[in-house]
Each structure stands twice: as C-alpha cells, then as structure tokens.
PDB file of N, CA and C in Angstrom:
ATOM      1  N   GLY A   1     176.993 164.426 -32.662  1.00  0.00           N
ATOM      2  CA  GLY A   1     176.582 163.033 -32.709  1.00  0.00           C
ATOM      3  C   GLY A   1     175.132 162.921 -32.293  1.00  0.00           C
ATOM      4  N   ASP A   2     174.396 162.094 -32.963  1.00  0.00           N
ATOM      5  CA  ASP A   2     172.974 161.864 -32.654  1.00  0.00           C
ATOM      6  C   ASP A   2     172.737 160.396 -32.349  1.00  0.00           C
ATOM      7  N   ASP A   3     171.661 160.130 -31.643  1.00  0.00           N
ATOM      8  CA  ASP A   3     171.216 158.767 -31.335  1.00  0.00           C
ATOM      9  C   ASP A   3     172.245 157.976 -30.541  1.00  0.00           C
ATOM     10  N   LEU A   4     172.994 158.659 -29.682  1.00  0.00           N
ATOM     11  CA  LEU A   4     173.936 157.980 -28.793  1.00  0.00           C
ATOM     12  C   LEU A   4     173.195 157.564 -27.523  1.00  0.00           C
ATOM     13  N   PRO A   5     173.754 156.653 -26.760  1.00  0.00           N
ATOM     14  CA  PRO A   5     173.149 156.346 -25.457  1.00  0.00           C
ATOM     15  C   PRO A   5     173.149 157.601 -24.575  1.00  0.00           C
ATOM     16  N   ALA A   6     172.131 157.760 -23.791  1.00  0.00           N
ATOM     17  CA  ALA A   6     171.983 158.950 -22.955  1.00  0.00           C
ATOM     18  C   ALA A   6     173.038 159.006 -21.857  1.00  0.00           C
ATOM     19  N   SER A   7     173.551 160.211 -21.632  1.00  0.00           N
ATOM     20  CA  SER A   7     174.442 160.515 -20.509  1.00  0.00           C
ATOM     21  C   SER A   7     175.669 159.605 -20.438  1.00  0.00           C
ATOM     22  N   GLN A   8     176.296 159.372 -21.594  1.00  0.00           N
ATOM     23  CA  GLN A   8     177.489 158.528 -21.670  1.00  0.00           C
ATOM     24  C   GLN A   8     178.632 159.319 -22.296  1.00  0.00           C
ATOM     25  N   PRO A   9     179.886 158.973 -21.959  1.00  0.00           N
ATOM     26  CA  PRO A   9     181.018 159.676 -22.556  1.00  0.00           C
ATOM     27  C   PRO A   9     181.146 159.379 -24.045  1.00  0.00           C
ATOM     28  N   ALA A  10     181.555 160.397 -24.776  1.00  0.00           N
ATOM     29  CA  ALA A  10     181.784 160.272 -26.223  1.00  0.00           C
ATOM     30  C   ALA A  10     183.074 161.012 -26.563  1.00  0.00           C
ATOM     31  N   LEU A  11     183.982 160.330 -27.220  1.00  0.00           N
ATOM     32  CA  LEU A  11     185.300 160.870 -27.567  1.00  0.00           C
ATOM     33  C   LEU A  11     185.361 161.125 -29.062  1.00  0.00           C
ATOM     34  N   LEU A  12     185.587 162.373 -29.453  1.00  0.00           N
ATOM     35  CA  LEU A  12     185.760 162.727 -30.856  1.00  0.00           C
ATOM     36  C   LEU A  12     187.241 162.627 -31.196  1.00  0.00           C
ATOM     37  N   PHE A  13     187.544 161.956 -32.308  1.00  0.00           N
ATOM     38  CA  PHE A  13     188.933 161.874 -32.760  1.00  0.00           C
ATOM     39  C   PHE A  13     189.007 162.127 -34.253  1.00  0.00           C
ATOM     40  N   GLN A  14     190.190 162.524 -34.702  1.00  0.00           N
ATOM     41  CA  GLN A  14     190.416 162.799 -36.118  1.00  0.00           C
ATOM     42  C   GLN A  14     191.589 161.967 -36.592  1.00  0.00           C
ATOM     43  N   GLY A  15     191.643 161.748 -37.894  1.00  0.00           N
ATOM     44  CA  GLY A  15     192.770 161.059 -38.500  1.00  0.00           C
ATOM     45  C   GLY A  15     193.035 161.593 -39.885  1.00  0.00           C
ATOM     46  N   THR A  16     194.179 161.219 -40.413  1.00  0.00           N
ATOM     47  CA  THR A  16     194.572 161.686 -41.742  1.00  0.00           C
ATOM     48  C   THR A  16     194.243 160.686 -42.839  1.00  0.00           C
ATOM     49  N   GLY A  17     193.709 159.531 -42.487  1.00  0.00           N
ATOM     50  CA  GLY A  17     193.381 158.521 -43.486  1.00  0.00           C
ATOM     51  C   GLY A  17     192.250 157.627 -43.033  1.00  0.00           C
ATOM     52  N   PHE A  18     191.963 156.638 -43.868  1.00  0.00           N
ATOM     53  CA  PHE A  18     190.912 155.664 -43.587  1.00  0.00           C
ATOM     54  C   PHE A  18     191.505 154.270 -43.479  1.00  0.00           C
ATOM     55  N   LEU A  19     190.890 153.432 -42.686  1.00  0.00           N
ATOM     56  CA  LEU A  19     191.247 152.023 -42.597  1.00  0.00           C
ATOM     57  C   LEU A  19     190.511 151.251 -43.691  1.00  0.00           C
ATOM     58  N   ALA A  20     191.185 150.303 -44.303  1.00  0.00           N
ATOM     59  CA  ALA A  20     190.574 149.410 -45.305  1.00  0.00           C
ATOM     60  C   ALA A  20     189.846 150.190 -46.391  1.00  0.00           C
ATOM     61  N   GLY A  21     190.465 151.280 -46.858  1.00  0.00           N
ATOM     62  CA  GLY A  21     189.867 152.064 -47.927  1.00  0.00           C
ATOM     63  C   GLY A  21     188.567 152.745 -47.551  1.00  0.00           C
ATOM     64  N   GLY A  22     188.329 152.921 -46.263  1.00  0.00           N
ATOM     65  CA  GLY A  22     187.094 153.556 -45.798  1.00  0.00           C
ATOM     66  C   GLY A  22     186.051 152.570 -45.318  1.00  0.00           C
ATOM     67  N   ASP A  23     186.280 151.276 -45.576  1.00  0.00           N
ATOM     68  CA  ASP A  23     185.335 150.267 -45.107  1.00  0.00           C
ATOM     69  C   ASP A  23     185.467 150.020 -43.611  1.00  0.00           C
ATOM     70  N   GLY A  24     186.632 150.326 -43.047  1.00  0.00           N
ATOM     71  CA  GLY A  24     186.848 150.182 -41.624  1.00  0.00           C
ATOM     72  C   GLY A  24     187.167 148.755 -41.210  1.00  0.00           C
ATOM     73  N   VAL A  25     187.471 148.613 -39.928  1.00  0.00           N
ATOM     74  CA  VAL A  25     187.726 147.306 -39.310  1.00  0.00           C
ATOM     75  C   VAL A  25     186.894 147.217 -38.043  1.00  0.00           C
ATOM     76  N   VAL A  26     186.527 146.014 -37.673  1.00  0.00           N
ATOM     77  CA  VAL A  26     185.696 145.808 -36.482  1.00  0.00           C
ATOM     78  C   VAL A  26     186.433 146.319 -35.251  1.00  0.00           C
ATOM     79  N   PHE A  27     185.727 147.109 -34.467  1.00  0.00           N
ATOM     80  CA  PHE A  27     186.259 147.653 -33.224  1.00  0.00           C
ATOM     81  C   PHE A  27     185.078 147.826 -32.286  1.00  0.00           C
ATOM     82  N   GLY A  28     185.050 147.075 -31.213  1.00  0.00           N
ATOM     83  CA  GLY A  28     183.887 147.101 -30.330  1.00  0.00           C
ATOM     84  C   GLY A  28     182.670 146.585 -31.064  1.00  0.00           C
ATOM     85  N   ASP A  29     181.576 147.320 -30.972  1.00  0.00           N
ATOM     86  CA  ASP A  29     180.345 146.938 -31.660  1.00  0.00           C
ATOM     87  C   ASP A  29     180.198 147.631 -33.007  1.00  0.00           C
ATOM     88  N   GLY A  30     181.253 148.270 -33.486  1.00  0.00           N
ATOM     89  CA  GLY A  30     181.148 149.007 -34.743  1.00  0.00           C
ATOM     90  C   GLY A  30     182.352 148.825 -35.622  1.00  0.00           C
ATOM     91  N   LEU A  31     182.549 149.793 -36.493  1.00  0.00           N
ATOM     92  CA  LEU A  31     183.678 149.796 -37.414  1.00  0.00           C
ATOM     93  C   LEU A  31     184.498 151.054 -37.188  1.00  0.00           C
ATOM     94  N   ARG A  32     185.788 150.865 -36.952  1.00  0.00           N
ATOM     95  CA  ARG A  32     186.684 152.023 -36.883  1.00  0.00           C
ATOM     96  C   ARG A  32     187.156 152.306 -38.289  1.00  0.00           C
ATOM     97  N   CYS A  33     186.854 153.493 -38.771  1.00  0.00           N
ATOM     98  CA  CYS A  33     187.184 153.874 -40.139  1.00  0.00           C
ATOM     99  C   CYS A  33     188.356 154.841 -40.218  1.00  0.00           C
ATOM    100  N   VAL A  34     188.546 155.655 -39.189  1.00  0.00           N
ATOM    101  CA  VAL A  34     189.576 156.693 -39.200  1.00  0.00           C
ATOM    102  C   VAL A  34     190.928 156.097 -38.819  1.00  0.00           C
ATOM    103  N   ASP A  35     191.966 156.486 -39.557  1.00  0.00           N
ATOM    104  CA  ASP A  35     193.310 155.952 -39.337  1.00  0.00           C
ATOM    105  C   ASP A  35     194.335 157.027 -39.678  1.00  0.00           C
ATOM    106  N   GLY A  36     195.558 156.621 -39.887  1.00  0.00           N
ATOM    107  CA  GLY A  36     196.632 157.554 -40.183  1.00  0.00           C
ATOM    108  C   GLY A  36     197.135 158.162 -38.894  1.00  0.00           C
ATOM    109  N   PHE A  37     197.492 159.426 -38.935  1.00  0.00           N
ATOM    110  CA  PHE A  37     197.888 160.141 -37.733  1.00  0.00           C
ATOM    111  C   PHE A  37     196.617 160.508 -36.976  1.00  0.00           C
ATOM    112  N   VAL A  38     196.336 159.804 -35.878  1.00  0.00           N
ATOM    113  CA  VAL A  38     195.087 159.962 -35.128  1.00  0.00           C
ATOM    114  C   VAL A  38     195.311 160.849 -33.915  1.00  0.00           C
ATOM    115  N   VAL A  39     194.384 161.791 -33.703  1.00  0.00           N
ATOM    116  CA  VAL A  39     194.450 162.727 -32.582  1.00  0.00           C
ATOM    117  C   VAL A  39     193.124 162.685 -31.833  1.00  0.00           C
ATOM    118  N   ARG A  40     193.198 162.496 -30.513  1.00  0.00           N
ATOM    119  CA  ARG A  40     192.010 162.621 -29.669  1.00  0.00           C
ATOM    120  C   ARG A  40     191.707 164.104 -29.497  1.00  0.00           C
ATOM    121  N   LEU A  41     190.485 164.515 -29.819  1.00  0.00           N
ATOM    122  CA  LEU A  41     190.148 165.934 -29.764  1.00  0.00           C
ATOM    123  C   LEU A  41     189.485 166.351 -28.458  1.00  0.00           C
ATOM    124  N   SER A  42     188.437 165.633 -28.039  1.00  0.00           N
ATOM    125  CA  SER A  42     187.711 166.056 -26.846  1.00  0.00           C
ATOM    126  C   SER A  42     186.718 164.973 -26.428  1.00  0.00           C
ATOM    127  N   VAL A  43     186.484 164.901 -25.122  1.00  0.00           N
ATOM    128  CA  VAL A  43     185.468 164.001 -24.579  1.00  0.00           C
ATOM    129  C   VAL A  43     184.338 164.859 -24.014  1.00  0.00           C
ATOM    130  N   VAL A  44     183.104 164.500 -24.365  1.00  0.00           N
ATOM    131  CA  VAL A  44     181.925 165.145 -23.793  1.00  0.00           C
ATOM    132  C   VAL A  44     180.987 164.051 -23.294  1.00  0.00           C
ATOM    133  N   THR A  45     179.995 164.443 -22.536  1.00  0.00           N
ATOM    134  CA  THR A  45     178.954 163.518 -22.100  1.00  0.00           C
ATOM    135  C   THR A  45     177.711 163.793 -22.931  1.00  0.00           C
ATOM    136  N   SER A  46     177.135 162.743 -23.485  1.00  0.00           N
ATOM    137  CA  SER A  46     175.921 162.920 -24.293  1.00  0.00           C
ATOM    138  C   SER A  46     174.778 163.419 -23.412  1.00  0.00           C
ATOM    139  N   THR A  47     173.855 164.120 -24.039  1.00  0.00           N
ATOM    140  CA  THR A  47     172.696 164.655 -23.329  1.00  0.00           C
ATOM    141  C   THR A  47     171.729 163.519 -22.994  1.00  0.00           C
ATOM    142  N   PRO A  48     170.725 163.785 -22.155  1.00  0.00           N
ATOM    143  CA  PRO A  48     169.716 162.764 -21.884  1.00  0.00           C
ATOM    144  C   PRO A  48     168.965 162.306 -23.136  1.00  0.00           C
ATOM    145  N   SER A  49     168.971 163.136 -24.196  1.00  0.00           N
ATOM    146  CA  SER A  49     168.315 162.736 -25.451  1.00  0.00           C
ATOM    147  C   SER A  49     169.300 162.048 -26.407  1.00  0.00           C
ATOM    148  N   GLY A  50     170.557 161.882 -25.997  1.00  0.00           N
ATOM    149  CA  GLY A  50     171.525 161.143 -26.811  1.00  0.00           C
ATOM    150  C   GLY A  50     172.293 161.965 -27.824  1.00  0.00           C
ATOM    151  N   ALA A  51     172.406 163.267 -27.620  1.00  0.00           N
ATOM    152  CA  ALA A  51     173.168 164.127 -28.530  1.00  0.00           C
ATOM    153  C   ALA A  51     174.517 164.477 -27.898  1.00  0.00           C
ATOM    154  N   ALA A  52     175.519 164.606 -28.744  1.00  0.00           N
ATOM    155  CA  ALA A  52     176.843 165.043 -28.287  1.00  0.00           C
ATOM    156  C   ALA A  52     177.325 166.144 -29.214  1.00  0.00           C
ATOM    157  N   THR A  53     177.828 167.209 -28.624  1.00  0.00           N
ATOM    158  CA  THR A  53     178.328 168.350 -29.390  1.00  0.00           C
ATOM    159  C   THR A  53     179.706 168.713 -28.869  1.00  0.00           C
ATOM    160  N   TRP A  54     180.628 168.878 -29.786  1.00  0.00           N
ATOM    161  CA  TRP A  54     181.982 169.285 -29.435  1.00  0.00           C
ATOM    162  C   TRP A  54     182.140 170.726 -29.853  1.00  0.00           C
ATOM    163  N   GLY A  55     182.679 171.536 -28.955  1.00  0.00           N
ATOM    164  CA  GLY A  55     182.681 172.974 -29.154  1.00  0.00           C
ATOM    165  C   GLY A  55     183.916 173.549 -29.795  1.00  0.00           C
ATOM    166  N   PRO A  56     183.994 174.872 -29.751  1.00  0.00           N
ATOM    167  CA  PRO A  56     185.109 175.581 -30.376  1.00  0.00           C
ATOM    168  C   PRO A  56     186.440 175.219 -29.706  1.00  0.00           C
ATOM    169  N   GLY A  57     187.505 175.463 -30.441  1.00  0.00           N
ATOM    170  CA  GLY A  57     188.835 175.202 -29.928  1.00  0.00           C
ATOM    171  C   GLY A  57     189.433 173.886 -30.399  1.00  0.00           C
ATOM    172  N   LEU A  58     188.661 173.099 -31.124  1.00  0.00           N
ATOM    173  CA  LEU A  58     189.166 171.798 -31.579  1.00  0.00           C
ATOM    174  C   LEU A  58     190.278 171.933 -32.608  1.00  0.00           C
ATOM    175  N   GLY A  59     190.237 172.992 -33.399  1.00  0.00           N
ATOM    176  CA  GLY A  59     191.257 173.199 -34.421  1.00  0.00           C
ATOM    177  C   GLY A  59     192.647 173.343 -33.839  1.00  0.00           C
ATOM    178  N   ALA A  60     192.737 173.984 -32.683  1.00  0.00           N
ATOM    179  CA  ALA A  60     194.041 174.137 -32.031  1.00  0.00           C
ATOM    180  C   ALA A  60     194.561 172.793 -31.534  1.00  0.00           C
ATOM    181  N   VAL A  61     193.674 171.976 -30.992  1.00  0.00           N
ATOM    182  CA  VAL A  61     194.068 170.642 -30.507  1.00  0.00           C
ATOM    183  C   VAL A  61     194.493 169.765 -31.672  1.00  0.00           C
ATOM    184  N   GLY A  62     193.746 169.841 -32.779  1.00  0.00           N
ATOM    185  CA  GLY A  62     194.009 168.989 -33.937  1.00  0.00           C
ATOM    186  C   GLY A  62     195.032 169.537 -34.909  1.00  0.00           C
ATOM    187  N   SER A  63     195.543 170.756 -34.640  1.00  0.00           N
ATOM    188  CA  SER A  63     196.522 171.406 -35.534  1.00  0.00           C
ATOM    189  C   SER A  63     196.001 171.507 -36.968  1.00  0.00           C
ATOM    190  N   TRP A  64     194.794 172.019 -37.099  1.00  0.00           N
ATOM    191  CA  TRP A  64     194.168 172.129 -38.410  1.00  0.00           C
ATOM    192  C   TRP A  64     194.827 173.213 -39.244  1.00  0.00           C
ATOM    193  N   ALA A  65     194.851 172.994 -40.560  1.00  0.00           N
ATOM    194  CA  ALA A  65     195.367 173.986 -41.502  1.00  0.00           C
ATOM    195  C   ALA A  65     194.510 173.965 -42.763  1.00  0.00           C
ATOM    196  N   ALA A  66     194.357 175.131 -43.380  1.00  0.00           N
ATOM    197  CA  ALA A  66     193.578 175.233 -44.612  1.00  0.00           C
ATOM    198  C   ALA A  66     194.139 174.287 -45.664  1.00  0.00           C
ATOM    199  N   GLY A  67     193.246 173.645 -46.395  1.00  0.00           N
ATOM    200  CA  GLY A  67     193.629 172.730 -47.457  1.00  0.00           C
ATOM    201  C   GLY A  67     193.707 171.274 -47.023  1.00  0.00           C
ATOM    202  N   GLN A  68     193.757 171.014 -45.731  1.00  0.00           N
ATOM    203  CA  GLN A  68     193.801 169.640 -45.243  1.00  0.00           C
ATOM    204  C   GLN A  68     192.453 168.962 -45.427  1.00  0.00           C
ATOM    205  N   THR A  69     192.485 167.667 -45.677  1.00  0.00           N
ATOM    206  CA  THR A  69     191.286 166.845 -45.586  1.00  0.00           C
ATOM    207  C   THR A  69     191.479 165.945 -44.377  1.00  0.00           C
ATOM    208  N   LEU A  70     190.576 166.062 -43.418  1.00  0.00           N
ATOM    209  CA  LEU A  70     190.629 165.278 -42.190  1.00  0.00           C
ATOM    210  C   LEU A  70     189.390 164.413 -42.076  1.00  0.00           C
ATOM    211  N   HIS A  71     189.524 163.350 -41.325  1.00  0.00           N
ATOM    212  CA  HIS A  71     188.440 162.386 -41.135  1.00  0.00           C
ATOM    213  C   HIS A  71     188.132 162.331 -39.644  1.00  0.00           C
ATOM    214  N   PHE A  72     186.856 162.367 -39.313  1.00  0.00           N
ATOM    215  CA  PHE A  72     186.409 162.430 -37.924  1.00  0.00           C
ATOM    216  C   PHE A  72     185.489 161.258 -37.612  1.00  0.00           C
ATOM    217  N   GLN A  73     185.554 160.797 -36.371  1.00  0.00           N
ATOM    218  CA  GLN A  73     184.686 159.732 -35.899  1.00  0.00           C
ATOM    219  C   GLN A  73     184.611 159.867 -34.379  1.00  0.00           C
ATOM    220  N   ALA A  74     183.551 159.350 -33.785  1.00  0.00           N
ATOM    221  CA  ALA A  74     183.419 159.392 -32.326  1.00  0.00           C
ATOM    222  C   ALA A  74     183.245 157.987 -31.771  1.00  0.00           C
ATOM    223  N   TRP A  75     183.924 157.742 -30.676  1.00  0.00           N
ATOM    224  CA  TRP A  75     183.778 156.525 -29.874  1.00  0.00           C
ATOM    225  C   TRP A  75     182.826 156.874 -28.744  1.00  0.00           C
ATOM    226  N   TYR A  76     181.924 155.943 -28.368  1.00  0.00           N
ATOM    227  CA  TYR A  76     181.044 156.211 -27.237  1.00  0.00           C
ATOM    228  C   TYR A  76     180.762 154.941 -26.448  1.00  0.00           C
ATOM    229  N   ARG A  77     180.564 155.127 -25.150  1.00  0.00           N
ATOM    230  CA  ARG A  77     180.227 154.014 -24.266  1.00  0.00           C
ATOM    231  C   ARG A  77     178.771 153.636 -24.492  1.00  0.00           C
ATOM    232  N   ASP A  78     178.496 152.321 -24.499  1.00  0.00           N
ATOM    233  CA  ASP A  78     177.139 151.816 -24.741  1.00  0.00           C
ATOM    234  C   ASP A  78     176.851 150.653 -23.784  1.00  0.00           C
ATOM    235  N   PRO A  79     176.699 150.948 -22.479  1.00  0.00           N
ATOM    236  CA  PRO A  79     176.580 149.863 -21.508  1.00  0.00           C
ATOM    237  C   PRO A  79     175.270 149.083 -21.562  1.00  0.00           C
ATOM    238  N   ALA A  80     174.192 149.704 -22.034  1.00  0.00           N
ATOM    239  CA  ALA A  80     172.898 149.018 -22.001  1.00  0.00           C
ATOM    240  C   ALA A  80     172.491 148.415 -23.343  1.00  0.00           C
ATOM    241  N   GLY A  81     172.884 149.052 -24.466  1.00  0.00           N
ATOM    242  CA  GLY A  81     172.391 148.604 -25.763  1.00  0.00           C
ATOM    243  C   GLY A  81     173.441 147.961 -26.634  1.00  0.00           C
ATOM    244  N   SER A  82     174.503 147.494 -26.044  1.00  0.00           N
ATOM    245  CA  SER A  82     175.625 146.942 -26.798  1.00  0.00           C
ATOM    246  C   SER A  82     175.251 145.611 -27.449  1.00  0.00           C
ATOM    247  N   PRO A  83     175.027 145.597 -28.777  1.00  0.00           N
ATOM    248  CA  PRO A  83     174.543 144.371 -29.419  1.00  0.00           C
ATOM    249  C   PRO A  83     175.546 143.216 -29.424  1.00  0.00           C
ATOM    250  N   CYS A  84     176.822 143.520 -29.404  1.00  0.00           N
ATOM    251  CA  CYS A  84     177.840 142.460 -29.445  1.00  0.00           C
ATOM    252  C   CYS A  84     178.535 142.259 -28.104  1.00  0.00           C
ATOM    253  N   GLY A  85     178.137 143.042 -27.108  1.00  0.00           N
ATOM    254  CA  GLY A  85     178.679 142.876 -25.773  1.00  0.00           C
ATOM    255  C   GLY A  85     179.985 143.587 -25.491  1.00  0.00           C
ATOM    256  N   SER A  86     180.448 144.441 -26.397  1.00  0.00           N
ATOM    257  CA  SER A  86     181.703 145.156 -26.185  1.00  0.00           C
ATOM    258  C   SER A  86     181.551 146.369 -25.270  1.00  0.00           C
ATOM    259  N   LEU A  87     180.335 146.831 -25.080  1.00  0.00           N
ATOM    260  CA  LEU A  87     180.001 147.974 -24.227  1.00  0.00           C
ATOM    261  C   LEU A  87     180.461 149.311 -24.783  1.00  0.00           C
ATOM    262  N   PHE A  88     180.893 149.341 -26.061  1.00  0.00           N
ATOM    263  CA  PHE A  88     181.195 150.613 -26.721  1.00  0.00           C
ATOM    264  C   PHE A  88     180.974 150.461 -28.214  1.00  0.00           C
ATOM    265  N   ASN A  89     180.824 151.603 -28.886  1.00  0.00           N
ATOM    266  CA  ASN A  89     180.541 151.610 -30.314  1.00  0.00           C
ATOM    267  C   ASN A  89     181.154 152.872 -30.913  1.00  0.00           C
ATOM    268  N   LEU A  90     180.971 153.033 -32.212  1.00  0.00           N
ATOM    269  CA  LEU A  90     181.502 154.181 -32.937  1.00  0.00           C
ATOM    270  C   LEU A  90     180.425 154.770 -33.844  1.00  0.00           C
ATOM    271  N   THR A  91     180.522 156.074 -34.058  1.00  0.00           N
ATOM    272  CA  THR A  91     179.646 156.727 -35.029  1.00  0.00           C
ATOM    273  C   THR A  91     180.144 156.446 -36.443  1.00  0.00           C
ATOM    274  N   ASN A  92     179.377 156.881 -37.417  1.00  0.00           N
ATOM    275  CA  ASN A  92     179.875 156.908 -38.783  1.00  0.00           C
ATOM    276  C   ASN A  92     181.032 157.896 -38.846  1.00  0.00           C
ATOM    277  N   ALA A  93     181.900 157.717 -39.823  1.00  0.00           N
ATOM    278  CA  ALA A  93     183.007 158.656 -40.031  1.00  0.00           C
ATOM    279  C   ALA A  93     182.567 159.770 -40.987  1.00  0.00           C
ATOM    280  N   LEU A  94     183.250 160.897 -40.883  1.00  0.00           N
ATOM    281  CA  LEU A  94     182.938 162.056 -41.711  1.00  0.00           C
ATOM    282  C   LEU A  94     184.246 162.668 -42.188  1.00  0.00           C
ATOM    283  N   SER A  95     184.335 162.977 -43.475  1.00  0.00           N
ATOM    284  CA  SER A  95     185.522 163.643 -44.040  1.00  0.00           C
ATOM    285  C   SER A  95     185.206 165.108 -44.271  1.00  0.00           C
ATOM    286  N   VAL A  96     186.194 165.960 -43.950  1.00  0.00           N
ATOM    287  CA  VAL A  96     186.035 167.402 -44.109  1.00  0.00           C
ATOM    288  C   VAL A  96     187.304 167.977 -44.722  1.00  0.00           C
ATOM    289  N   THR A  97     187.147 168.781 -45.789  1.00  0.00           N
ATOM    290  CA  THR A  97     188.277 169.519 -46.339  1.00  0.00           C
ATOM    291  C   THR A  97     188.183 170.936 -45.828  1.00  0.00           C
ATOM    292  N   LEU A  98     189.237 171.384 -45.165  1.00  0.00           N
ATOM    293  CA  LEU A  98     189.255 172.709 -44.548  1.00  0.00           C
ATOM    294  C   LEU A  98     189.624 173.759 -45.570  1.00  0.00           C
ATOM    295  N   VAL A  99     188.836 174.817 -45.642  1.00  0.00           N
ATOM    296  CA  VAL A  99     189.090 175.899 -46.598  1.00  0.00           C
ATOM    297  C   VAL A  99     189.463 177.164 -45.821  1.00  0.00           C
ATOM    298  N   PRO A 100     190.216 178.069 -46.454  1.00  0.00           N
ATOM    299  CA  PRO A 100     190.600 179.300 -45.756  1.00  0.00           C
ATOM    300  C   PRO A 100     189.414 180.208 -45.485  1.00  0.00           C
TER     301      PRO A 100
END
C-alpha cells in the first residue's frame, strides 16, 4: 500500500467476489469493493513515509490454491486526514488469479 497515513495500522483482507459489481459500497471514507467469503490476512503498521507491506505466509492464512481468482483490499486508520470524519479509509481493490 502506498500513500497511507504515516505510522497507522493497515489491515489486508481478501474476498472471493466484489460488491456492487466492483463499484463497491460506501464504508468509512472510501468504498469497500471486496466481498464474498472475506478473510482477514494480516495487520501491519505503515512506515513513516506511508507505505505498508505484507509479507510471506499470507497464502496459508488465506487458503490460496492455484487457479483461484481472489480480490484484495486494505483498510487503514486515518485519524488526521479523514475527509468525511470516519477516521478510516480503504485502498483500491486488486484482483489476482493464482497460477501454479
């Protein structure tokens, strides 16, 4: 994740589908796009420059298998820059098809 608030928690989650055909629904100060069977993968703290990286081992938590298409998104705390006052936001969603 890039351009997140500095030194704030960020939760990566995956799902098997999209909400509203991928358009998402309002959630906090953003749009939640990931839906279906949702799994929380890992929480990290963003760096002072606003980057978040989730490391190895996520496949075991998410029960990944070759051939699956999964959708990923991150929730993050935004206490200072929250435009709508919810104090949290979401990244864009990303779809990935896993290959052997």
